[in-house]
Every structure is written in C-alpha cells, then in structure tokens.
Amino acid sequence: AVAFASKRPLLEPVQVQLTLLRRGQELQVEVSVPMLGSDGARRVLGWHGLVLQETPRAVREIGPVPLGVHISQTMLGSPAEAFGIEGEFIVAVNGTPTPNLDSLLELRHGVETMGHCKQRHLRIESADTSGRHYLKTLEPDPLFWPTFEMRQDSKGAWSFHELE
C-alpha cells in the first residue's frame, strides 16, 4: 500500500520499517523492499485443448523447472485430455524443443505435413516439476479444437485470435 500512496513508479523499491526481536531485544531496522511487477499471463495459447503460457514466476520459484511451455489447464473433452497428456510443461513436439510459445507456434506450420503425406499424430514430450518426463501421442482435431491466441495489450485490453 505504501508504493501506491506515494506517487512513485510501481517497480521502485520501497523503504519499510521492521521491528526484529533478537535475544530478547527489539531492533528497529529499515530495509529496502523491491516491488515486483505482475507475473500474470499477458499471452495465452490454446493448442489441442491445452491452455499454455510462458512459465510463471510462482512455478519457477518451486525449484528447477524444465525448459518448456507451461500447461495451465487441460480442457475437458479435448484431444489433450483424450490422449492423456501429462506433466506441467511441453518440452518438445515431434522431437523439436519448445522452449517458448513462439517456438510452439512455429512448429504448427511444419507439423501439418511431413514430406508428401499429411501427419495424423503428434509426438508430445512433456515433463513435470519433479523431473519426470512423459511421451505421448496426440491426434489433432483442428475442426473442434483450433489453435487460438489471447493477448493483453499495454492498456489491459485482451484480444482473441483463432490461428490457422
């Protein structure tokens, strides 16, 4: 509340008075507390029934996490649920690493066709925060589960785009 009452920039550190109790003595200490920006998702991707986002800070603070896209939710009735995609991170699709949302979107174009035949299944490698890795196949259903992207602009307004 202190940072908002004083018309300072939101991410500027705030001075806070603390009272510490050490060996029965009270100590008054002033410390500088950095203000952390919001780590809320500003970009969300819907991909075969998985709701994906960049890994949030709260998840990164758990400990070492795999390099991949964070699975926020699995939609009921989706291909991802039907094929039992496990874990909290998509780390690769068909052997290609997916460290961020853009890399996953780039894969969409190359995944549609491989060579002369249309690909019917995707090989999804996922992982969890305990270090376990999972490998599953997924049959896309673009008619009922198209890829979509939601973005929040600098003013806080959200936009929705269905991607082809």
N, C-alpha and C. Protein backbone atom coordinates (compact mmCIF):
# COMPACT_ATOMS: atom_id res chain seq x y z
N ALA A 1 0.82 -1.19 0.00
CA ALA A 1 0.00 0.00 0.00
C ALA A 1 0.87 1.26 0.00
N VAL A 2 2.07 1.17 0.55
CA VAL A 2 2.95 2.33 0.61
C VAL A 2 3.32 2.81 -0.78
N ALA A 3 3.61 1.90 -1.69
CA ALA A 3 4.05 2.28 -3.03
C ALA A 3 2.96 3.00 -3.79
N PHE A 4 1.70 2.63 -3.56
CA PHE A 4 0.62 3.25 -4.30
C PHE A 4 0.25 4.62 -3.72
N ALA A 5 0.41 4.78 -2.41
CA ALA A 5 0.08 6.06 -1.79
C ALA A 5 1.06 7.15 -2.19
N SER A 6 2.32 6.80 -2.35
CA SER A 6 3.32 7.78 -2.77
C SER A 6 3.44 7.71 -4.27
N LYS A 7 3.26 8.61 -5.02
CA LYS A 7 3.19 8.60 -6.47
C LYS A 7 4.50 8.20 -7.15
N ARG A 8 5.17 7.17 -6.64
CA ARG A 8 6.42 6.68 -7.22
C ARG A 8 6.12 5.66 -8.30
N PRO A 9 7.08 5.42 -9.20
CA PRO A 9 6.89 4.34 -10.17
C PRO A 9 6.68 3.01 -9.45
N LEU A 10 5.86 2.15 -10.03
CA LEU A 10 5.47 0.91 -9.36
C LEU A 10 6.63 -0.03 -9.04
N LEU A 11 7.67 -0.05 -9.84
CA LEU A 11 8.75 -1.01 -9.61
C LEU A 11 9.91 -0.45 -8.81
N GLU A 12 9.78 0.76 -8.30
CA GLU A 12 10.84 1.36 -7.49
C GLU A 12 10.80 0.74 -6.09
N PRO A 13 11.96 0.43 -5.50
CA PRO A 13 11.96 -0.16 -4.15
C PRO A 13 11.31 0.77 -3.12
N VAL A 14 10.75 0.16 -2.09
CA VAL A 14 10.07 0.89 -1.02
C VAL A 14 10.85 0.67 0.27
N GLN A 15 11.00 1.71 1.07
CA GLN A 15 11.64 1.61 2.38
C GLN A 15 10.57 1.19 3.40
N VAL A 16 10.87 0.14 4.18
CA VAL A 16 9.93 -0.39 5.15
C VAL A 16 10.62 -0.50 6.51
N GLN A 17 9.91 -0.08 7.56
CA GLN A 17 10.41 -0.20 8.93
C GLN A 17 10.02 -1.57 9.49
N LEU A 18 11.01 -2.31 10.01
CA LEU A 18 10.76 -3.61 10.62
C LEU A 18 11.20 -3.58 12.07
N THR A 19 10.46 -4.30 12.89
CA THR A 19 10.85 -4.49 14.28
C THR A 19 11.25 -5.95 14.43
N LEU A 20 12.52 -6.18 14.76
CA LEU A 20 13.04 -7.53 14.93
C LEU A 20 13.24 -7.81 16.41
N LEU A 21 13.01 -9.04 16.80
CA LEU A 21 13.23 -9.44 18.18
C LEU A 21 14.39 -10.43 18.19
N ARG A 22 15.53 -10.00 18.76
CA ARG A 22 16.74 -10.83 18.81
C ARG A 22 17.24 -10.87 20.25
N ARG A 23 17.36 -12.10 20.79
CA ARG A 23 17.87 -12.30 22.15
C ARG A 23 17.15 -11.40 23.16
N GLY A 24 15.84 -11.30 22.98
CA GLY A 24 15.04 -10.52 23.92
C GLY A 24 15.10 -9.01 23.70
N GLN A 25 15.82 -8.55 22.72
CA GLN A 25 15.95 -7.11 22.43
C GLN A 25 15.19 -6.77 21.16
N GLU A 26 14.50 -5.65 21.18
CA GLU A 26 13.83 -5.16 19.98
C GLU A 26 14.79 -4.31 19.18
N LEU A 27 14.86 -4.57 17.89
CA LEU A 27 15.69 -3.77 16.98
C LEU A 27 14.80 -3.16 15.91
N GLN A 28 14.97 -1.87 15.69
CA GLN A 28 14.26 -1.19 14.60
C GLN A 28 15.19 -1.15 13.39
N VAL A 29 14.73 -1.69 12.28
CA VAL A 29 15.54 -1.77 11.08
C VAL A 29 14.74 -1.24 9.90
N GLU A 30 15.41 -0.48 9.05
CA GLU A 30 14.77 -0.02 7.82
C GLU A 30 15.39 -0.80 6.66
N VAL A 31 14.54 -1.44 5.86
CA VAL A 31 15.02 -2.23 4.73
C VAL A 31 14.37 -1.75 3.44
N SER A 32 15.08 -1.99 2.36
CA SER A 32 14.57 -1.65 1.04
C SER A 32 13.93 -2.90 0.44
N VAL A 33 12.66 -2.81 0.10
CA VAL A 33 11.92 -3.94 -0.44
C VAL A 33 11.61 -3.66 -1.91
N PRO A 34 12.14 -4.49 -2.82
CA PRO A 34 11.84 -4.25 -4.24
C PRO A 34 10.40 -4.61 -4.55
N MET A 35 9.77 -3.80 -5.38
CA MET A 35 8.42 -4.09 -5.84
C MET A 35 8.54 -4.96 -7.08
N LEU A 36 7.86 -6.08 -7.09
CA LEU A 36 7.89 -6.99 -8.22
C LEU A 36 6.70 -6.71 -9.12
N GLY A 37 6.93 -6.69 -10.41
CA GLY A 37 5.84 -6.48 -11.35
C GLY A 37 4.91 -7.68 -11.38
N SER A 38 3.75 -7.49 -11.93
CA SER A 38 2.79 -8.57 -12.06
C SER A 38 3.37 -9.65 -12.96
N ASP A 39 3.18 -10.89 -12.56
CA ASP A 39 3.64 -12.00 -13.37
C ASP A 39 2.45 -12.72 -13.99
N GLY A 40 1.33 -12.01 -14.06
CA GLY A 40 0.15 -12.60 -14.67
C GLY A 40 0.38 -12.82 -16.16
N ALA A 41 -0.29 -13.80 -16.70
CA ALA A 41 -0.14 -14.11 -18.13
C ALA A 41 -0.65 -12.95 -18.97
N ARG A 42 0.16 -12.50 -19.90
CA ARG A 42 -0.27 -11.47 -20.85
C ARG A 42 -0.49 -12.08 -22.22
N ARG A 43 -0.15 -13.36 -22.33
CA ARG A 43 -0.32 -14.08 -23.59
C ARG A 43 -0.64 -15.54 -23.26
N VAL A 44 -1.71 -16.04 -23.84
CA VAL A 44 -2.16 -17.41 -23.59
C VAL A 44 -2.41 -18.06 -24.94
N LEU A 45 -2.04 -19.32 -25.05
CA LEU A 45 -2.22 -20.07 -26.29
C LEU A 45 -3.08 -21.29 -26.01
N GLY A 46 -4.09 -21.50 -26.84
CA GLY A 46 -4.90 -22.72 -26.78
C GLY A 46 -4.44 -23.64 -27.89
N TRP A 47 -3.96 -24.82 -27.53
CA TRP A 47 -3.35 -25.72 -28.51
C TRP A 47 -3.81 -27.15 -28.25
N HIS A 48 -4.69 -27.68 -29.08
CA HIS A 48 -5.23 -29.04 -28.98
C HIS A 48 -5.87 -29.29 -27.61
N GLY A 49 -6.46 -28.26 -27.03
CA GLY A 49 -7.13 -28.40 -25.74
C GLY A 49 -6.25 -28.14 -24.54
N LEU A 50 -5.00 -27.76 -24.78
CA LEU A 50 -4.12 -27.35 -23.68
C LEU A 50 -4.10 -25.83 -23.63
N VAL A 51 -4.23 -25.27 -22.45
CA VAL A 51 -4.07 -23.83 -22.26
C VAL A 51 -2.63 -23.62 -21.82
N LEU A 52 -1.85 -22.93 -22.66
CA LEU A 52 -0.41 -22.80 -22.46
C LEU A 52 -0.01 -21.36 -22.24
N GLN A 53 1.05 -21.16 -21.47
CA GLN A 53 1.62 -19.83 -21.25
C GLN A 53 3.10 -20.00 -20.93
N GLU A 54 3.82 -18.87 -20.98
CA GLU A 54 5.22 -18.90 -20.54
C GLU A 54 5.22 -19.27 -19.06
N THR A 55 6.28 -19.88 -18.58
CA THR A 55 6.32 -20.36 -17.20
C THR A 55 6.23 -19.19 -16.22
N PRO A 56 5.19 -19.17 -15.36
CA PRO A 56 5.03 -18.08 -14.39
C PRO A 56 6.11 -18.12 -13.31
N ARG A 57 6.38 -16.96 -12.72
CA ARG A 57 7.39 -16.86 -11.67
C ARG A 57 7.08 -17.80 -10.50
N ALA A 58 5.81 -17.90 -10.11
CA ALA A 58 5.44 -18.76 -8.98
C ALA A 58 5.85 -20.22 -9.22
N VAL A 59 5.77 -20.67 -10.46
CA VAL A 59 6.18 -22.04 -10.79
C VAL A 59 7.71 -22.13 -10.80
N ARG A 60 8.38 -21.12 -11.34
CA ARG A 60 9.85 -21.13 -11.37
C ARG A 60 10.43 -21.12 -9.96
N GLU A 61 9.71 -20.54 -8.99
CA GLU A 61 10.21 -20.47 -7.61
C GLU A 61 10.12 -21.81 -6.89
N ILE A 62 9.43 -22.78 -7.46
CA ILE A 62 9.34 -24.11 -6.85
C ILE A 62 10.72 -24.75 -6.79
N GLY A 63 11.52 -24.48 -7.80
CA GLY A 63 12.84 -25.07 -7.92
C GLY A 63 13.18 -25.18 -9.39
N PRO A 64 14.15 -26.01 -9.73
CA PRO A 64 14.50 -26.16 -11.15
C PRO A 64 13.30 -26.69 -11.94
N VAL A 65 12.97 -26.01 -13.01
CA VAL A 65 11.87 -26.45 -13.87
C VAL A 65 12.41 -26.70 -15.27
N PRO A 66 11.79 -27.62 -16.00
CA PRO A 66 12.27 -27.89 -17.36
C PRO A 66 12.05 -26.70 -18.27
N LEU A 67 12.87 -26.60 -19.30
CA LEU A 67 12.72 -25.55 -20.29
C LEU A 67 11.58 -25.96 -21.21
N GLY A 68 10.48 -25.26 -21.14
CA GLY A 68 9.32 -25.60 -21.95
C GLY A 68 8.19 -24.64 -21.70
N VAL A 69 7.07 -24.92 -22.33
CA VAL A 69 5.87 -24.10 -22.22
C VAL A 69 5.01 -24.68 -21.10
N HIS A 70 4.52 -23.82 -20.22
CA HIS A 70 3.75 -24.26 -19.06
C HIS A 70 2.32 -24.60 -19.45
N ILE A 71 1.84 -25.77 -19.00
CA ILE A 71 0.46 -26.17 -19.22
C ILE A 71 -0.36 -25.64 -18.05
N SER A 72 -1.19 -24.62 -18.31
CA SER A 72 -2.02 -24.04 -17.25
C SER A 72 -3.25 -24.89 -16.98
N GLN A 73 -3.80 -25.47 -18.05
CA GLN A 73 -5.04 -26.23 -17.90
C GLN A 73 -5.20 -27.16 -19.10
N THR A 74 -5.91 -28.25 -18.88
CA THR A 74 -6.32 -29.15 -19.97
C THR A 74 -7.83 -29.07 -20.06
N MET A 75 -8.34 -28.72 -21.23
CA MET A 75 -9.79 -28.56 -21.40
C MET A 75 -10.46 -29.93 -21.52
N LEU A 76 -11.61 -30.05 -20.85
CA LEU A 76 -12.35 -31.30 -20.87
C LEU A 76 -12.84 -31.62 -22.27
N GLY A 77 -12.73 -32.87 -22.66
CA GLY A 77 -13.19 -33.32 -23.97
C GLY A 77 -12.23 -33.04 -25.11
N SER A 78 -11.09 -32.46 -24.81
CA SER A 78 -10.13 -32.08 -25.85
C SER A 78 -9.24 -33.27 -26.24
N PRO A 79 -8.56 -33.16 -27.38
CA PRO A 79 -7.59 -34.21 -27.73
C PRO A 79 -6.52 -34.40 -26.65
N ALA A 80 -6.08 -33.31 -26.03
CA ALA A 80 -5.05 -33.42 -24.98
C ALA A 80 -5.55 -34.25 -23.81
N GLU A 81 -6.82 -34.08 -23.45
CA GLU A 81 -7.38 -34.89 -22.36
C GLU A 81 -7.58 -36.34 -22.82
N ALA A 82 -8.11 -36.51 -24.02
CA ALA A 82 -8.39 -37.86 -24.52
C ALA A 82 -7.13 -38.70 -24.64
N PHE A 83 -6.02 -38.08 -25.01
CA PHE A 83 -4.77 -38.82 -25.18
C PHE A 83 -3.90 -38.79 -23.92
N GLY A 84 -4.40 -38.18 -22.85
CA GLY A 84 -3.74 -38.24 -21.55
C GLY A 84 -2.40 -37.53 -21.47
N ILE A 85 -2.32 -36.31 -22.00
CA ILE A 85 -1.08 -35.55 -21.90
C ILE A 85 -0.82 -35.25 -20.43
N GLU A 86 0.35 -35.64 -19.94
CA GLU A 86 0.70 -35.49 -18.53
C GLU A 86 1.76 -34.42 -18.34
N GLY A 87 2.01 -34.07 -17.09
CA GLY A 87 3.07 -33.12 -16.77
C GLY A 87 2.58 -31.69 -16.78
N GLU A 88 3.51 -30.78 -16.45
CA GLU A 88 3.18 -29.36 -16.39
C GLU A 88 3.85 -28.56 -17.49
N PHE A 89 4.69 -29.21 -18.31
CA PHE A 89 5.42 -28.48 -19.35
C PHE A 89 5.45 -29.29 -20.64
N ILE A 90 5.26 -28.62 -21.78
CA ILE A 90 5.52 -29.23 -23.09
C ILE A 90 6.96 -28.88 -23.42
N VAL A 91 7.82 -29.88 -23.51
CA VAL A 91 9.24 -29.61 -23.76
C VAL A 91 9.65 -29.88 -25.21
N ALA A 92 8.86 -30.70 -25.93
CA ALA A 92 9.18 -30.97 -27.34
C ALA A 92 7.95 -31.52 -28.05
N VAL A 93 7.87 -31.23 -29.35
CA VAL A 93 6.83 -31.79 -30.21
C VAL A 93 7.54 -32.42 -31.40
N ASN A 94 7.31 -33.71 -31.61
CA ASN A 94 7.98 -34.46 -32.69
C ASN A 94 9.50 -34.31 -32.62
N GLY A 95 10.03 -34.25 -31.41
CA GLY A 95 11.48 -34.17 -31.22
C GLY A 95 12.06 -32.77 -31.32
N THR A 96 11.24 -31.77 -31.63
CA THR A 96 11.72 -30.39 -31.72
C THR A 96 11.44 -29.68 -30.40
N PRO A 97 12.45 -29.11 -29.75
CA PRO A 97 12.25 -28.42 -28.47
C PRO A 97 11.28 -27.25 -28.58
N THR A 98 10.51 -27.04 -27.51
CA THR A 98 9.55 -25.93 -27.46
C THR A 98 9.81 -25.10 -26.20
N PRO A 99 10.86 -24.28 -26.20
CA PRO A 99 11.20 -23.51 -25.00
C PRO A 99 10.25 -22.35 -24.72
N ASN A 100 9.46 -21.92 -25.72
CA ASN A 100 8.54 -20.80 -25.51
C ASN A 100 7.35 -20.92 -26.46
N LEU A 101 6.38 -20.03 -26.30
CA LEU A 101 5.16 -20.08 -27.11
C LEU A 101 5.45 -19.87 -28.59
N ASP A 102 6.38 -18.98 -28.91
CA ASP A 102 6.69 -18.72 -30.32
C ASP A 102 7.24 -19.97 -31.01
N SER A 103 8.07 -20.72 -30.31
CA SER A 103 8.62 -21.94 -30.92
C SER A 103 7.52 -22.96 -31.17
N LEU A 104 6.53 -23.01 -30.30
CA LEU A 104 5.40 -23.92 -30.50
C LEU A 104 4.56 -23.48 -31.69
N LEU A 105 4.35 -22.18 -31.83
CA LEU A 105 3.59 -21.67 -32.97
C LEU A 105 4.33 -21.92 -34.29
N GLU A 106 5.64 -21.78 -34.28
CA GLU A 106 6.42 -22.04 -35.50
C GLU A 106 6.30 -23.51 -35.92
N LEU A 107 6.18 -24.39 -34.95
CA LEU A 107 6.05 -25.82 -35.25
C LEU A 107 4.75 -26.13 -35.98
N ARG A 108 3.72 -25.35 -35.72
CA ARG A 108 2.42 -25.62 -36.34
C ARG A 108 2.54 -25.73 -37.85
N HIS A 109 3.33 -24.86 -38.46
CA HIS A 109 3.44 -24.84 -39.91
C HIS A 109 4.18 -26.07 -40.43
N GLY A 110 5.21 -26.50 -39.74
CA GLY A 110 5.97 -27.65 -40.19
C GLY A 110 5.35 -28.98 -39.81
N VAL A 111 4.43 -28.98 -38.83
CA VAL A 111 3.83 -30.21 -38.34
C VAL A 111 2.69 -30.67 -39.24
N GLU A 112 2.02 -29.73 -39.90
CA GLU A 112 0.85 -30.07 -40.70
C GLU A 112 1.17 -31.16 -41.72
N THR A 113 2.27 -30.99 -42.43
CA THR A 113 2.64 -32.00 -43.42
C THR A 113 4.11 -32.33 -43.23
N MET A 114 4.42 -33.59 -43.33
CA MET A 114 5.82 -34.01 -43.29
C MET A 114 6.07 -34.80 -44.57
N GLY A 115 6.86 -34.22 -45.43
CA GLY A 115 7.09 -34.87 -46.71
C GLY A 115 5.86 -34.75 -47.59
N HIS A 116 5.43 -35.88 -48.15
CA HIS A 116 4.29 -35.88 -49.06
C HIS A 116 2.99 -36.25 -48.37
N CYS A 117 3.05 -36.84 -47.19
CA CYS A 117 1.82 -37.29 -46.55
C CYS A 117 1.47 -36.39 -45.37
N LYS A 118 0.17 -36.28 -45.14
CA LYS A 118 -0.31 -35.47 -44.02
C LYS A 118 -0.10 -36.24 -42.72
N GLN A 119 0.43 -35.56 -41.74
CA GLN A 119 0.71 -36.20 -40.45
C GLN A 119 -0.58 -36.30 -39.64
N ARG A 120 -0.82 -37.46 -39.06
CA ARG A 120 -2.06 -37.67 -38.32
C ARG A 120 -1.88 -37.58 -36.81
N HIS A 121 -0.69 -37.82 -36.32
CA HIS A 121 -0.44 -37.79 -34.87
C HIS A 121 0.80 -36.96 -34.57
N LEU A 122 0.80 -36.37 -33.39
CA LEU A 122 1.95 -35.61 -32.90
C LEU A 122 2.57 -36.39 -31.74
N ARG A 123 3.88 -36.34 -31.64
CA ARG A 123 4.58 -36.95 -30.50
C ARG A 123 4.90 -35.83 -29.52
N ILE A 124 4.27 -35.87 -28.36
CA ILE A 124 4.39 -34.81 -27.36
C ILE A 124 5.27 -35.29 -26.22
N GLU A 125 6.37 -34.56 -25.97
CA GLU A 125 7.20 -34.85 -24.81
C GLU A 125 6.90 -33.78 -23.77
N SER A 126 6.50 -34.24 -22.59
CA SER A 126 6.18 -33.31 -21.51
C SER A 126 6.99 -33.68 -20.28
N ALA A 127 6.98 -32.79 -19.30
CA ALA A 127 7.74 -33.03 -18.06
C ALA A 127 7.00 -32.37 -16.90
N ASP A 128 7.36 -32.77 -15.70
CA ASP A 128 6.78 -32.14 -14.52
C ASP A 128 7.88 -31.53 -13.66
N THR A 129 7.49 -30.91 -12.56
CA THR A 129 8.46 -30.21 -11.71
C THR A 129 9.34 -31.18 -10.91
N SER A 130 8.99 -32.47 -10.89
CA SER A 130 9.81 -33.47 -10.20
C SER A 130 10.88 -34.06 -11.09
N GLY A 131 10.92 -33.63 -12.35
CA GLY A 131 11.93 -34.12 -13.27
C GLY A 131 11.51 -35.32 -14.10
N ARG A 132 10.28 -35.79 -13.91
CA ARG A 132 9.80 -36.93 -14.71
C ARG A 132 9.43 -36.45 -16.11
N HIS A 133 9.74 -37.28 -17.10
CA HIS A 133 9.40 -36.97 -18.49
C HIS A 133 8.38 -37.97 -18.99
N TYR A 134 7.48 -37.49 -19.84
CA TYR A 134 6.42 -38.33 -20.40
C TYR A 134 6.45 -38.20 -21.92
N LEU A 135 6.07 -39.26 -22.60
CA LEU A 135 5.99 -39.23 -24.05
C LEU A 135 4.64 -39.81 -24.45
N LYS A 136 3.84 -39.02 -25.15
CA LYS A 136 2.50 -39.44 -25.57
C LYS A 136 2.29 -39.03 -27.02
N THR A 137 1.34 -39.68 -27.66
CA THR A 137 0.93 -39.23 -28.99
C THR A 137 -0.40 -38.51 -28.85
N LEU A 138 -0.67 -37.64 -29.80
CA LEU A 138 -1.90 -36.86 -29.78
C LEU A 138 -2.39 -36.74 -31.21
N GLU A 139 -3.67 -37.00 -31.43
CA GLU A 139 -4.26 -36.82 -32.75
C GLU A 139 -4.98 -35.48 -32.76
N PRO A 140 -4.49 -34.52 -33.54
CA PRO A 140 -5.11 -33.20 -33.58
C PRO A 140 -6.55 -33.25 -34.12
N ASP A 141 -7.37 -32.35 -33.65
CA ASP A 141 -8.74 -32.19 -34.15
C ASP A 141 -8.96 -30.70 -34.39
N PRO A 142 -8.40 -30.16 -35.49
CA PRO A 142 -8.45 -28.71 -35.72
C PRO A 142 -9.85 -28.16 -35.96
N LEU A 143 -10.79 -29.01 -36.37
CA LEU A 143 -12.15 -28.52 -36.61
C LEU A 143 -12.80 -28.07 -35.30
N PHE A 144 -12.70 -28.90 -34.26
CA PHE A 144 -13.33 -28.59 -32.99
C PHE A 144 -12.36 -27.98 -31.96
N TRP A 145 -11.06 -28.15 -32.17
CA TRP A 145 -10.06 -27.63 -31.24
C TRP A 145 -8.99 -26.86 -31.99
N PRO A 146 -9.37 -25.72 -32.58
CA PRO A 146 -8.37 -24.93 -33.32
C PRO A 146 -7.38 -24.27 -32.36
N THR A 147 -6.24 -23.88 -32.90
CA THR A 147 -5.25 -23.15 -32.11
C THR A 147 -5.71 -21.70 -32.01
N PHE A 148 -5.66 -21.15 -30.79
CA PHE A 148 -6.03 -19.75 -30.61
C PHE A 148 -5.00 -19.06 -29.73
N GLU A 149 -4.97 -17.75 -29.84
CA GLU A 149 -4.06 -16.95 -29.03
C GLU A 149 -4.83 -15.80 -28.42
N MET A 150 -4.62 -15.57 -27.13
CA MET A 150 -5.19 -14.42 -26.44
C MET A 150 -4.03 -13.58 -25.94
N ARG A 151 -4.12 -12.26 -26.19
CA ARG A 151 -3.05 -11.33 -25.77
C ARG A 151 -3.66 -10.16 -25.02
N GLN A 152 -2.89 -9.66 -24.06
CA GLN A 152 -3.27 -8.45 -23.35
C GLN A 152 -2.33 -7.33 -23.79
N ASP A 153 -2.91 -6.21 -24.21
CA ASP A 153 -2.07 -5.10 -24.65
C ASP A 153 -1.63 -4.26 -23.45
N SER A 154 -0.88 -3.21 -23.71
CA SER A 154 -0.32 -2.38 -22.63
C SER A 154 -1.39 -1.65 -21.83
N LYS A 155 -2.59 -1.51 -22.38
CA LYS A 155 -3.69 -0.84 -21.66
C LYS A 155 -4.57 -1.82 -20.90
N GLY A 156 -4.26 -3.11 -21.02
CA GLY A 156 -5.02 -4.11 -20.27
C GLY A 156 -6.13 -4.77 -21.06
N ALA A 157 -6.35 -4.37 -22.31
CA ALA A 157 -7.42 -4.96 -23.12
C ALA A 157 -6.94 -6.28 -23.72
N TRP A 158 -7.82 -7.27 -23.71
CA TRP A 158 -7.48 -8.59 -24.26
C TRP A 158 -8.01 -8.73 -25.67
N SER A 159 -7.26 -9.44 -26.51
CA SER A 159 -7.73 -9.76 -27.86
C SER A 159 -7.63 -11.26 -28.06
N PHE A 160 -8.51 -11.78 -28.91
CA PHE A 160 -8.57 -13.21 -29.19
C PHE A 160 -8.42 -13.41 -30.68
N HIS A 161 -7.53 -14.33 -31.08
CA HIS A 161 -7.33 -14.63 -32.49
C HIS A 161 -7.27 -16.13 -32.67
N GLU A 162 -8.10 -16.64 -33.56
CA GLU A 162 -8.02 -18.05 -33.92
C GLU A 162 -6.98 -18.16 -35.03
N LEU A 163 -6.01 -19.03 -34.86
CA LEU A 163 -4.92 -19.16 -35.82
C LEU A 163 -5.18 -20.31 -36.77
N GLU A 164 -4.77 -20.13 -38.00
CA GLU A 164 -4.98 -21.20 -38.98
C GLU A 164 -3.77 -22.09 -39.06
